[in-house]
Amino acid sequence: YTGVAESKSAWQIAEDLERYLGAGQECPRWTRYRLYGLTKVDIAQGRKGGLHSGEECAEQGVAYKALRLARTELQYVHHLAGRRLRERMPWVEYEQVVLSPAHPKPDICDDVIAAAPNGDGVYPKGEISLPLHPNCICDARVVLMDEEAFVDRLRGWVDGSEAWAEMDSYATWVGMSSQTFA
C-alpha cells in the first residue's frame, strides 16, 4: 500500500520487495525491457529477451517473484478502487469479468466467467473480486441500467418527484445533491 500511495510502478515496488524476499537469490532476473518492452504473449511464446541468467544475475534486474507480487498487489488495489466506485453508483447494476486479449490459456478466469448465471461473466456488483490469481490481467466492466429507465429516475430525482436513496447517497459522497441541479 505504501508503494501505491507513493505512486510507484510495479518495477519500483518489486525492487523494494526484494529485500524481504531474498534479493539476489533468484535467477533468471527480469530487466525493465522484459516488463515494459515485451507483451505477455511474447513471454508466453518463450521469448527470452530481457532476462539475466547465470553470472549475469548478480545485482541485475528484479526477481520474477518480487515482480509478480508487485503486479498482483497493484492489480488488487486498482480493482478494489474500481469496485468501491461501482458500489456507490446506482446506475451500475452488474459487473462483467472480461478476459484480457492477451490471456494465454484457460484458467480460473475462464471458470469464473462460465460460472456466471448466464455464462457470460456478468455478476451482481460487488460479488466478484479481481484479480482472480497472481498476474491476473482480466478486467471488470460495468453493466448499466437501461438508459431510458436511468433518465426517468434521474429526472424524477432532480425535480423531487421520485425518491432515490442510492442517488442521494452518491450525490452526498461526491459533494452534490438534487438541489444542485435545480
N, C-alpha and C. Protein backbone atom coordinates (compact mmCIF):
# COMPACT_ATOMS: atom_id res chain seq x y z
N TYR A 1 0.82 -1.20 0.00
CA TYR A 1 0.00 0.00 0.00
C TYR A 1 0.86 1.26 0.00
N THR A 2 2.00 1.17 0.64
CA THR A 2 2.91 2.31 0.64
C THR A 2 3.36 2.64 -0.77
N GLY A 3 3.68 1.59 -1.55
CA GLY A 3 4.10 1.80 -2.94
C GLY A 3 3.01 2.46 -3.75
N VAL A 4 1.78 2.06 -3.55
CA VAL A 4 0.66 2.67 -4.27
C VAL A 4 0.50 4.12 -3.84
N ALA A 5 0.55 4.36 -2.54
CA ALA A 5 0.42 5.73 -2.02
C ALA A 5 1.51 6.64 -2.55
N GLU A 6 2.68 6.07 -2.81
CA GLU A 6 3.81 6.85 -3.34
C GLU A 6 3.86 6.83 -4.86
N SER A 7 2.81 6.31 -5.51
CA SER A 7 2.70 6.24 -6.98
C SER A 7 3.86 5.49 -7.63
N LYS A 8 4.30 4.42 -6.99
CA LYS A 8 5.39 3.63 -7.54
C LYS A 8 4.88 2.65 -8.58
N SER A 9 5.74 2.33 -9.53
CA SER A 9 5.41 1.35 -10.56
C SER A 9 5.62 -0.06 -10.00
N ALA A 10 5.17 -1.06 -10.75
CA ALA A 10 5.39 -2.45 -10.35
C ALA A 10 6.88 -2.71 -10.21
N TRP A 11 7.67 -2.15 -11.11
CA TRP A 11 9.12 -2.34 -11.07
C TRP A 11 9.71 -1.79 -9.77
N GLN A 12 9.31 -0.57 -9.42
CA GLN A 12 9.83 0.06 -8.20
C GLN A 12 9.39 -0.70 -6.94
N ILE A 13 8.16 -1.16 -6.93
CA ILE A 13 7.69 -1.93 -5.78
C ILE A 13 8.44 -3.26 -5.69
N ALA A 14 8.69 -3.90 -6.84
CA ALA A 14 9.45 -5.15 -6.85
C ALA A 14 10.84 -4.94 -6.28
N GLU A 15 11.47 -3.83 -6.64
CA GLU A 15 12.80 -3.54 -6.10
C GLU A 15 12.74 -3.41 -4.57
N ASP A 16 11.69 -2.75 -4.07
CA ASP A 16 11.53 -2.60 -2.62
C ASP A 16 11.25 -3.95 -1.94
N LEU A 17 10.46 -4.80 -2.60
CA LEU A 17 10.09 -6.09 -2.02
C LEU A 17 11.25 -7.06 -1.92
N GLU A 18 12.20 -6.94 -2.81
CA GLU A 18 13.27 -7.92 -2.87
C GLU A 18 14.03 -8.07 -1.56
N ARG A 19 14.15 -7.03 -0.80
CA ARG A 19 14.90 -7.15 0.46
C ARG A 19 14.18 -8.08 1.43
N TYR A 20 12.86 -8.24 1.26
CA TYR A 20 12.11 -9.14 2.12
C TYR A 20 12.02 -10.55 1.53
N LEU A 21 12.31 -10.69 0.25
CA LEU A 21 12.16 -11.97 -0.45
C LEU A 21 13.49 -12.62 -0.77
N GLY A 22 14.58 -12.13 -0.23
CA GLY A 22 15.88 -12.72 -0.50
C GLY A 22 16.46 -12.23 -1.81
N ALA A 23 16.73 -10.96 -1.90
CA ALA A 23 17.26 -10.36 -3.13
C ALA A 23 18.52 -11.08 -3.57
N GLY A 24 18.67 -11.24 -4.86
CA GLY A 24 19.86 -11.83 -5.43
C GLY A 24 19.86 -13.34 -5.41
N GLN A 25 18.83 -13.96 -4.84
CA GLN A 25 18.80 -15.42 -4.74
C GLN A 25 18.08 -16.08 -5.91
N GLU A 26 17.37 -15.34 -6.68
CA GLU A 26 16.58 -15.95 -7.74
C GLU A 26 17.12 -15.57 -9.11
N CYS A 27 17.25 -16.56 -9.94
CA CYS A 27 17.70 -16.36 -11.30
C CYS A 27 16.80 -17.22 -12.18
N PRO A 28 16.38 -16.82 -13.34
CA PRO A 28 16.75 -15.58 -14.02
C PRO A 28 16.04 -14.38 -13.42
N ARG A 29 16.58 -13.22 -13.75
CA ARG A 29 16.03 -11.96 -13.28
C ARG A 29 15.57 -11.13 -14.48
N TRP A 30 14.50 -10.38 -14.26
CA TRP A 30 13.90 -9.59 -15.33
C TRP A 30 14.53 -8.21 -15.41
N THR A 31 14.69 -7.72 -16.62
CA THR A 31 15.11 -6.33 -16.84
C THR A 31 13.85 -5.51 -17.12
N ARG A 32 14.00 -4.19 -17.11
CA ARG A 32 12.86 -3.32 -17.44
C ARG A 32 12.33 -3.63 -18.84
N TYR A 33 13.21 -3.98 -19.77
CA TYR A 33 12.76 -4.29 -21.13
C TYR A 33 11.79 -5.46 -21.13
N ARG A 34 12.05 -6.46 -20.31
CA ARG A 34 11.18 -7.62 -20.27
C ARG A 34 9.79 -7.24 -19.76
N LEU A 35 9.76 -6.34 -18.80
CA LEU A 35 8.48 -5.91 -18.23
C LEU A 35 7.74 -4.94 -19.15
N TYR A 36 8.46 -3.95 -19.67
CA TYR A 36 7.79 -2.89 -20.42
C TYR A 36 7.93 -2.99 -21.93
N GLY A 37 8.87 -3.81 -22.42
CA GLY A 37 9.11 -3.88 -23.86
C GLY A 37 8.50 -5.09 -24.54
N LEU A 38 8.13 -6.11 -23.76
CA LEU A 38 7.54 -7.31 -24.32
C LEU A 38 6.10 -7.44 -23.86
N THR A 39 5.28 -8.06 -24.67
CA THR A 39 3.90 -8.32 -24.27
C THR A 39 3.84 -9.66 -23.55
N LYS A 40 2.74 -9.91 -22.87
CA LYS A 40 2.56 -11.19 -22.20
C LYS A 40 2.57 -12.33 -23.22
N VAL A 41 2.06 -12.04 -24.41
CA VAL A 41 2.06 -13.05 -25.48
C VAL A 41 3.50 -13.37 -25.88
N ASP A 42 4.35 -12.34 -26.02
CA ASP A 42 5.76 -12.57 -26.35
C ASP A 42 6.39 -13.50 -25.31
N ILE A 43 6.14 -13.22 -24.06
CA ILE A 43 6.72 -14.00 -22.98
C ILE A 43 6.17 -15.42 -23.00
N ALA A 44 4.84 -15.56 -23.20
CA ALA A 44 4.23 -16.89 -23.25
C ALA A 44 4.78 -17.71 -24.41
N GLN A 45 5.19 -17.04 -25.49
CA GLN A 45 5.75 -17.74 -26.65
C GLN A 45 7.21 -18.13 -26.43
N GLY A 46 7.75 -17.81 -25.25
CA GLY A 46 9.10 -18.25 -24.92
C GLY A 46 10.21 -17.29 -25.28
N ARG A 47 9.88 -16.06 -25.62
CA ARG A 47 10.95 -15.11 -25.94
C ARG A 47 11.77 -14.83 -24.69
N LYS A 48 13.07 -14.88 -24.81
CA LYS A 48 13.97 -14.76 -23.67
C LYS A 48 14.53 -13.35 -23.49
N GLY A 49 14.12 -12.41 -24.33
CA GLY A 49 14.64 -11.05 -24.23
C GLY A 49 14.43 -10.46 -22.86
N GLY A 50 15.42 -9.72 -22.39
CA GLY A 50 15.30 -9.04 -21.11
C GLY A 50 15.47 -9.91 -19.89
N LEU A 51 16.10 -11.07 -20.05
CA LEU A 51 16.37 -11.94 -18.91
C LEU A 51 17.87 -11.98 -18.64
N HIS A 52 18.23 -11.90 -17.37
CA HIS A 52 19.61 -12.14 -16.95
C HIS A 52 19.64 -13.54 -16.35
N SER A 53 20.65 -14.31 -16.68
CA SER A 53 20.78 -15.63 -16.08
C SER A 53 22.24 -15.92 -15.80
N GLY A 54 22.50 -16.97 -15.03
CA GLY A 54 23.87 -17.34 -14.69
C GLY A 54 24.59 -16.24 -13.94
N GLU A 55 25.83 -15.98 -14.34
CA GLU A 55 26.66 -14.95 -13.68
C GLU A 55 26.04 -13.56 -13.82
N GLU A 56 25.25 -13.34 -14.88
CA GLU A 56 24.65 -12.03 -15.12
C GLU A 56 23.63 -11.63 -14.06
N CYS A 57 23.14 -12.59 -13.30
CA CYS A 57 22.06 -12.32 -12.34
C CYS A 57 22.46 -11.36 -11.23
N ALA A 58 23.67 -11.42 -10.79
CA ALA A 58 24.08 -10.65 -9.61
C ALA A 58 23.76 -9.18 -9.78
N GLU A 59 22.89 -8.69 -8.86
CA GLU A 59 22.57 -7.27 -8.79
C GLU A 59 21.93 -6.70 -10.06
N GLN A 60 21.34 -7.52 -10.88
CA GLN A 60 20.71 -7.05 -12.12
C GLN A 60 19.21 -7.26 -12.05
N GLY A 61 18.46 -6.34 -12.63
CA GLY A 61 17.01 -6.50 -12.75
C GLY A 61 16.32 -6.77 -11.43
N VAL A 62 15.16 -7.44 -11.53
CA VAL A 62 14.40 -7.82 -10.34
C VAL A 62 14.00 -9.28 -10.46
N ALA A 63 13.81 -9.92 -9.32
CA ALA A 63 13.38 -11.31 -9.30
C ALA A 63 11.93 -11.41 -9.76
N TYR A 64 11.64 -12.45 -10.50
CA TYR A 64 10.28 -12.65 -11.01
C TYR A 64 9.26 -12.71 -9.88
N LYS A 65 9.60 -13.38 -8.78
CA LYS A 65 8.64 -13.49 -7.67
C LYS A 65 8.28 -12.12 -7.10
N ALA A 66 9.26 -11.25 -6.97
CA ALA A 66 9.00 -9.90 -6.46
C ALA A 66 8.13 -9.13 -7.45
N LEU A 67 8.43 -9.27 -8.72
CA LEU A 67 7.66 -8.58 -9.74
C LEU A 67 6.23 -9.09 -9.79
N ARG A 68 6.06 -10.41 -9.71
CA ARG A 68 4.71 -10.99 -9.73
C ARG A 68 3.90 -10.50 -8.54
N LEU A 69 4.52 -10.47 -7.37
CA LEU A 69 3.83 -9.99 -6.18
C LEU A 69 3.45 -8.51 -6.33
N ALA A 70 4.37 -7.69 -6.82
CA ALA A 70 4.09 -6.27 -7.00
C ALA A 70 2.96 -6.05 -8.00
N ARG A 71 3.01 -6.75 -9.13
CA ARG A 71 1.97 -6.59 -10.15
C ARG A 71 0.61 -7.04 -9.62
N THR A 72 0.59 -8.15 -8.91
CA THR A 72 -0.67 -8.67 -8.38
C THR A 72 -1.27 -7.71 -7.36
N GLU A 73 -0.44 -7.16 -6.49
CA GLU A 73 -0.94 -6.23 -5.48
C GLU A 73 -1.41 -4.92 -6.11
N LEU A 74 -0.71 -4.44 -7.14
CA LEU A 74 -1.18 -3.25 -7.84
C LEU A 74 -2.53 -3.51 -8.49
N GLN A 75 -2.69 -4.68 -9.10
CA GLN A 75 -3.98 -5.04 -9.70
C GLN A 75 -5.06 -5.10 -8.63
N TYR A 76 -4.74 -5.67 -7.48
CA TYR A 76 -5.72 -5.76 -6.39
C TYR A 76 -6.19 -4.37 -5.97
N VAL A 77 -5.27 -3.46 -5.76
CA VAL A 77 -5.62 -2.10 -5.34
C VAL A 77 -6.43 -1.41 -6.44
N HIS A 78 -6.02 -1.56 -7.68
CA HIS A 78 -6.74 -0.97 -8.81
C HIS A 78 -8.18 -1.48 -8.85
N HIS A 79 -8.35 -2.79 -8.75
CA HIS A 79 -9.70 -3.37 -8.81
C HIS A 79 -10.52 -3.02 -7.58
N LEU A 80 -9.88 -2.94 -6.42
CA LEU A 80 -10.59 -2.55 -5.21
C LEU A 80 -11.14 -1.14 -5.35
N ALA A 81 -10.34 -0.22 -5.86
CA ALA A 81 -10.80 1.16 -6.06
C ALA A 81 -11.97 1.19 -7.05
N GLY A 82 -11.86 0.46 -8.13
CA GLY A 82 -12.95 0.40 -9.11
C GLY A 82 -14.21 -0.19 -8.52
N ARG A 83 -14.06 -1.26 -7.74
CA ARG A 83 -15.22 -1.90 -7.12
C ARG A 83 -15.90 -0.94 -6.15
N ARG A 84 -15.11 -0.21 -5.36
CA ARG A 84 -15.69 0.74 -4.41
C ARG A 84 -16.47 1.84 -5.14
N LEU A 85 -15.97 2.30 -6.27
CA LEU A 85 -16.69 3.30 -7.06
C LEU A 85 -18.00 2.71 -7.61
N ARG A 86 -17.92 1.53 -8.20
CA ARG A 86 -19.12 0.91 -8.79
C ARG A 86 -20.19 0.64 -7.74
N GLU A 87 -19.77 0.27 -6.53
CA GLU A 87 -20.74 0.01 -5.47
C GLU A 87 -21.56 1.25 -5.14
N ARG A 88 -20.98 2.41 -5.31
CA ARG A 88 -21.66 3.67 -4.97
C ARG A 88 -22.54 4.20 -6.10
N MET A 89 -22.32 3.76 -7.31
CA MET A 89 -23.03 4.30 -8.48
C MET A 89 -24.34 3.54 -8.69
N PRO A 90 -25.48 4.18 -8.41
CA PRO A 90 -26.75 3.46 -8.50
C PRO A 90 -27.15 3.06 -9.92
N TRP A 91 -26.56 3.65 -10.91
CA TRP A 91 -26.90 3.29 -12.30
C TRP A 91 -26.12 2.07 -12.79
N VAL A 92 -25.18 1.59 -11.99
CA VAL A 92 -24.45 0.37 -12.33
C VAL A 92 -25.19 -0.79 -11.68
N GLU A 93 -25.67 -1.72 -12.51
CA GLU A 93 -26.43 -2.85 -11.99
C GLU A 93 -25.59 -4.11 -11.81
N TYR A 94 -24.68 -4.32 -12.72
CA TYR A 94 -23.88 -5.54 -12.71
C TYR A 94 -22.43 -5.22 -13.07
N GLU A 95 -21.57 -6.22 -12.84
CA GLU A 95 -20.18 -6.14 -13.28
C GLU A 95 -19.93 -7.37 -14.15
N GLN A 96 -19.12 -7.18 -15.17
CA GLN A 96 -18.79 -8.29 -16.06
C GLN A 96 -17.29 -8.53 -16.04
N VAL A 97 -16.89 -9.75 -15.71
CA VAL A 97 -15.49 -10.14 -15.77
C VAL A 97 -15.17 -10.41 -17.23
N VAL A 98 -14.11 -9.75 -17.72
CA VAL A 98 -13.73 -9.85 -19.14
C VAL A 98 -12.28 -10.30 -19.22
N LEU A 99 -12.04 -11.32 -20.04
CA LEU A 99 -10.68 -11.79 -20.26
C LEU A 99 -9.88 -10.75 -21.03
N SER A 100 -8.61 -10.64 -20.70
CA SER A 100 -7.71 -9.79 -21.47
C SER A 100 -7.48 -10.42 -22.83
N PRO A 101 -7.30 -9.61 -23.88
CA PRO A 101 -6.96 -10.17 -25.20
C PRO A 101 -5.63 -10.95 -25.17
N ALA A 102 -4.80 -10.66 -24.17
CA ALA A 102 -3.51 -11.35 -24.06
C ALA A 102 -3.59 -12.57 -23.14
N HIS A 103 -4.81 -12.98 -22.79
CA HIS A 103 -4.99 -14.13 -21.91
C HIS A 103 -4.43 -15.37 -22.59
N PRO A 104 -3.35 -15.97 -22.03
CA PRO A 104 -2.63 -17.01 -22.77
C PRO A 104 -3.29 -18.38 -22.81
N LYS A 105 -3.95 -18.80 -21.75
CA LYS A 105 -4.53 -20.14 -21.73
C LYS A 105 -5.67 -20.19 -20.73
N PRO A 106 -6.58 -21.17 -20.86
CA PRO A 106 -7.70 -21.27 -19.92
C PRO A 106 -7.21 -21.47 -18.48
N ASP A 107 -7.89 -20.81 -17.55
CA ASP A 107 -7.56 -20.92 -16.14
C ASP A 107 -8.79 -20.57 -15.31
N ILE A 108 -8.61 -20.18 -14.06
CA ILE A 108 -9.72 -19.86 -13.17
C ILE A 108 -10.58 -18.72 -13.72
N CYS A 109 -9.98 -17.83 -14.48
CA CYS A 109 -10.74 -16.71 -15.07
C CYS A 109 -11.84 -17.24 -15.98
N ASP A 110 -11.48 -18.19 -16.82
CA ASP A 110 -12.48 -18.79 -17.71
C ASP A 110 -13.57 -19.49 -16.91
N ASP A 111 -13.18 -20.15 -15.81
CA ASP A 111 -14.14 -20.84 -14.96
C ASP A 111 -15.12 -19.85 -14.31
N VAL A 112 -14.61 -18.71 -13.84
CA VAL A 112 -15.45 -17.71 -13.19
C VAL A 112 -16.42 -17.11 -14.21
N ILE A 113 -15.95 -16.85 -15.40
CA ILE A 113 -16.84 -16.31 -16.44
C ILE A 113 -17.94 -17.31 -16.78
N ALA A 114 -17.56 -18.57 -16.94
CA ALA A 114 -18.54 -19.60 -17.28
C ALA A 114 -19.52 -19.86 -16.14
N ALA A 115 -19.11 -19.63 -14.89
CA ALA A 115 -19.97 -19.90 -13.73
C ALA A 115 -21.00 -18.80 -13.47
N ALA A 116 -20.90 -17.68 -14.18
CA ALA A 116 -21.89 -16.61 -14.02
C ALA A 116 -23.28 -17.14 -14.38
N PRO A 117 -24.33 -16.54 -13.82
CA PRO A 117 -25.68 -17.05 -14.07
C PRO A 117 -26.01 -17.31 -15.54
N ASN A 118 -25.53 -16.46 -16.44
CA ASN A 118 -25.79 -16.66 -17.87
C ASN A 118 -24.56 -17.14 -18.63
N GLY A 119 -23.49 -17.48 -17.90
CA GLY A 119 -22.27 -17.97 -18.54
C GLY A 119 -21.47 -16.91 -19.28
N ASP A 120 -21.77 -15.64 -19.01
CA ASP A 120 -21.13 -14.54 -19.74
C ASP A 120 -20.25 -13.66 -18.86
N GLY A 121 -20.00 -14.08 -17.63
CA GLY A 121 -19.16 -13.31 -16.73
C GLY A 121 -19.87 -12.17 -16.02
N VAL A 122 -21.18 -12.05 -16.18
CA VAL A 122 -21.94 -10.95 -15.58
C VAL A 122 -22.47 -11.39 -14.20
N TYR A 123 -22.09 -10.60 -13.18
CA TYR A 123 -22.48 -10.86 -11.80
C TYR A 123 -23.07 -9.59 -11.19
N PRO A 124 -23.89 -9.74 -10.13
CA PRO A 124 -24.32 -8.54 -9.41
C PRO A 124 -23.09 -7.80 -8.89
N LYS A 125 -23.17 -6.48 -8.90
CA LYS A 125 -21.98 -5.72 -8.50
C LYS A 125 -21.58 -6.07 -7.07
N GLY A 126 -20.26 -6.15 -6.89
CA GLY A 126 -19.69 -6.48 -5.60
C GLY A 126 -19.54 -7.96 -5.31
N GLU A 127 -20.04 -8.81 -6.20
CA GLU A 127 -19.99 -10.25 -5.94
C GLU A 127 -18.64 -10.88 -6.30
N ILE A 128 -17.94 -10.31 -7.26
CA ILE A 128 -16.66 -10.87 -7.72
C ILE A 128 -15.54 -9.89 -7.40
N SER A 129 -14.44 -10.41 -6.89
CA SER A 129 -13.26 -9.58 -6.61
C SER A 129 -12.13 -10.00 -7.53
N LEU A 130 -11.55 -9.04 -8.19
CA LEU A 130 -10.38 -9.29 -9.03
C LEU A 130 -9.15 -8.73 -8.32
N PRO A 131 -7.97 -9.21 -8.58
CA PRO A 131 -7.60 -10.27 -9.51
C PRO A 131 -7.95 -11.65 -8.96
N LEU A 132 -8.15 -12.58 -9.88
CA LEU A 132 -8.54 -13.93 -9.51
C LEU A 132 -7.35 -14.83 -9.19
N HIS A 133 -6.17 -14.44 -9.66
CA HIS A 133 -4.95 -15.21 -9.43
C HIS A 133 -3.75 -14.29 -9.62
N PRO A 134 -2.54 -14.70 -9.21
CA PRO A 134 -1.36 -13.85 -9.42
C PRO A 134 -1.18 -13.53 -10.91
N ASN A 135 -0.80 -12.30 -11.19
CA ASN A 135 -0.59 -11.80 -12.55
C ASN A 135 -1.87 -11.78 -13.39
N CYS A 136 -3.02 -11.81 -12.76
CA CYS A 136 -4.29 -11.78 -13.49
C CYS A 136 -4.42 -10.45 -14.22
N ILE A 137 -4.77 -10.52 -15.48
CA ILE A 137 -4.92 -9.30 -16.28
C ILE A 137 -6.34 -9.13 -16.80
N CYS A 138 -7.28 -9.83 -16.17
CA CYS A 138 -8.68 -9.67 -16.53
C CYS A 138 -9.18 -8.33 -16.00
N ASP A 139 -10.35 -7.94 -16.46
CA ASP A 139 -10.91 -6.66 -16.09
C ASP A 139 -12.36 -6.83 -15.70
N ALA A 140 -12.88 -5.87 -14.95
CA ALA A 140 -14.30 -5.83 -14.62
C ALA A 140 -14.89 -4.61 -15.33
N ARG A 141 -15.95 -4.86 -16.06
CA ARG A 141 -16.64 -3.77 -16.76
C ARG A 141 -18.03 -3.61 -16.18
N VAL A 142 -18.54 -2.42 -16.27
CA VAL A 142 -19.87 -2.15 -15.72
C VAL A 142 -20.95 -2.54 -16.72
N VAL A 143 -22.07 -2.97 -16.16
CA VAL A 143 -23.29 -3.18 -16.94
C VAL A 143 -24.29 -2.20 -16.36
N LEU A 144 -24.67 -1.24 -17.16
CA LEU A 144 -25.51 -0.13 -16.69
C LEU A 144 -26.99 -0.48 -16.76
N MET A 145 -27.77 0.24 -15.96
CA MET A 145 -29.21 0.08 -16.05
C MET A 145 -29.69 0.61 -17.40
N ASP A 146 -30.85 0.22 -17.80
CA ASP A 146 -31.42 0.67 -19.06
C ASP A 146 -31.37 2.20 -19.14
N GLU A 147 -30.93 2.72 -20.28
CA GLU A 147 -30.73 4.17 -20.43
C GLU A 147 -32.02 4.96 -20.19
N GLU A 148 -33.10 4.49 -20.75
CA GLU A 148 -34.37 5.20 -20.58
C GLU A 148 -34.83 5.19 -19.13
N ALA A 149 -34.68 4.05 -18.47
CA ALA A 149 -35.04 3.95 -17.05
C ALA A 149 -34.16 4.88 -16.21
N PHE A 150 -32.87 4.96 -16.56
CA PHE A 150 -31.96 5.84 -15.82
C PHE A 150 -32.38 7.30 -15.99
N VAL A 151 -32.66 7.71 -17.21
CA VAL A 151 -33.04 9.10 -17.47
C VAL A 151 -34.33 9.44 -16.71
N ASP A 152 -35.29 8.53 -16.72
CA ASP A 152 -36.55 8.77 -16.00
C ASP A 152 -36.31 8.90 -14.49
N ARG A 153 -35.52 7.99 -13.94
CA ARG A 153 -35.24 8.04 -12.49
C ARG A 153 -34.47 9.30 -12.13
N LEU A 154 -33.51 9.65 -12.96
CA LEU A 154 -32.70 10.84 -12.68
C LEU A 154 -33.56 12.10 -12.75
N ARG A 155 -34.41 12.20 -13.75
CA ARG A 155 -35.30 13.36 -13.85
C ARG A 155 -36.19 13.46 -12.62
N GLY A 156 -36.75 12.32 -12.20
CA GLY A 156 -37.61 12.31 -11.02
C GLY A 156 -36.84 12.71 -9.77
N TRP A 157 -35.61 12.24 -9.67
CA TRP A 157 -34.77 12.58 -8.51
C TRP A 157 -34.43 14.06 -8.51
N VAL A 158 -34.08 14.61 -9.69
CA VAL A 158 -33.70 16.02 -9.78
C VAL A 158 -34.89 16.94 -9.49
N ASP A 159 -36.06 16.60 -10.04
CA ASP A 159 -37.21 17.50 -9.80
C ASP A 159 -37.94 17.21 -8.49
N GLY A 160 -37.46 16.19 -7.75
CA GLY A 160 -38.03 15.89 -6.43
C GLY A 160 -39.28 15.05 -6.46
N SER A 161 -39.72 14.60 -7.63
CA SER A 161 -40.95 13.81 -7.72
C SER A 161 -40.72 12.34 -7.40
N GLU A 162 -39.47 11.91 -7.37
CA GLU A 162 -39.17 10.50 -7.08
C GLU A 162 -37.97 10.40 -6.14
N ALA A 163 -38.16 9.67 -5.07
CA ALA A 163 -37.05 9.44 -4.14
C ALA A 163 -36.10 8.40 -4.75
N TRP A 164 -34.82 8.60 -4.52
CA TRP A 164 -33.81 7.63 -4.98
C TRP A 164 -32.69 7.68 -3.96
N ALA A 165 -32.85 6.88 -2.93
CA ALA A 165 -31.91 6.91 -1.79
C ALA A 165 -30.48 6.65 -2.22
N GLU A 166 -30.29 5.71 -3.15
CA GLU A 166 -28.93 5.40 -3.61
C GLU A 166 -28.30 6.60 -4.29
N MET A 167 -29.09 7.37 -5.04
CA MET A 167 -28.56 8.56 -5.71
C MET A 167 -28.29 9.66 -4.69
N ASP A 168 -29.14 9.75 -3.65
CA ASP A 168 -28.87 10.71 -2.57
C ASP A 168 -27.51 10.40 -1.94
N SER A 169 -27.28 9.15 -1.68
CA SER A 169 -26.02 8.73 -1.06
C SER A 169 -24.83 9.05 -1.98
N TYR A 170 -24.99 8.74 -3.26
CA TYR A 170 -23.91 9.01 -4.22
C TYR A 170 -23.66 10.52 -4.32
N ALA A 171 -24.72 11.30 -4.41
CA ALA A 171 -24.58 12.75 -4.54
C ALA A 171 -23.89 13.34 -3.31
N THR A 172 -24.24 12.86 -2.14
CA THR A 172 -23.58 13.32 -0.92
C THR A 172 -22.10 12.97 -0.96
N TRP A 173 -21.81 11.76 -1.41
CA TRP A 173 -20.42 11.30 -1.49
C TRP A 173 -19.58 12.18 -2.41
N VAL A 174 -20.15 12.62 -3.53
CA VAL A 174 -19.39 13.46 -4.46
C VAL A 174 -19.58 14.95 -4.18
N GLY A 175 -20.34 15.28 -3.12
CA GLY A 175 -20.49 16.69 -2.73
C GLY A 175 -21.59 17.42 -3.47
N MET A 176 -22.61 16.70 -3.91
CA MET A 176 -23.74 17.34 -4.61
C MET A 176 -25.04 16.85 -4.00
N SER A 177 -26.13 17.40 -4.49
CA SER A 177 -27.47 16.92 -4.14
C SER A 177 -28.40 17.25 -5.30
N SER A 178 -29.62 16.79 -5.22
CA SER A 178 -30.57 17.09 -6.28
C SER A 178 -30.80 18.60 -6.38
N GLN A 179 -30.59 19.31 -5.26
CA GLN A 179 -30.76 20.76 -5.26
C GLN A 179 -29.72 21.46 -6.13
N THR A 180 -28.59 20.82 -6.32
CA THR A 180 -27.52 21.40 -7.16
C THR A 180 -28.02 21.62 -8.58
N PHE A 181 -28.93 20.75 -9.03
CA PHE A 181 -29.41 20.81 -10.41
C PHE A 181 -30.62 21.73 -10.57
N ALA A 182 -31.24 22.11 -9.48
CA ALA A 182 -32.46 22.90 -9.56
C ALA A 182 -32.19 24.32 -10.04
